[in-house]
Amino acid sequence: MMDALDGELAEAQHNELEAHLRACPSCLQEWQALLAVHTLLQQTPALSPAVDFAQRTLARLPNRRVRIWTLTAIYALLLLGGILPLALAVWLVFILRPVLSEPTILSSISQSIGQALQVMGTIAWALLAGLGEMVVQQPAIVGWLLVLLGIISIWGGVSRQLIFQTSPRQTS
């Protein structure tokens, strides 16, 4: 239908659309609504901006030099923030290469990491088991936590609406 509105349908496709519209009342109703909106938009004159719109907009923009220096500083900080950790990692690899090349150190490091992960897993399992026992023994605590989450969620939505609510503009 949109292609027909834009005049981009071939003759055969246009005839097929007309035949379908004669057979389908709901599509005909939608087509008439689309035609009405299309006609309205075609007949509506384009609005032109206020006379001093460009001057006011340019006057409200920050100084071009300040913008360029600010962007340069931001990009330089981002570049340093990415390059410094990379340079530090390369430096550490060169410094620690002799130490890390020994097989006994690598095996002891992997064992230490494995033991640390095992301890963390045990702690996480104990915390989850304790939480499960608390939920079974004290269901009211879970209820209060859910109520608090609901209140926080509602307040977050209200505060977001208050913060982002457009203030009325003053006309001079």
Foldseek 3Di string as FASTA:
>chain_A
DVCVLVVNDDPVVVVVVVVVLVVDVVVVVVVVVVVVVSVVVVPDDDDDDDPCVVVVVVVPDDDPVVVVVVVVVVVVVVVCVVVVVVVVVVVVCVVCVVVVVDPVVVVVVVVVVVVVVVVVVVVVVVVVVVVVVCCVVPVVVVVVVVVVVVVVVVVVVVVVCVVPPDDDDDDD
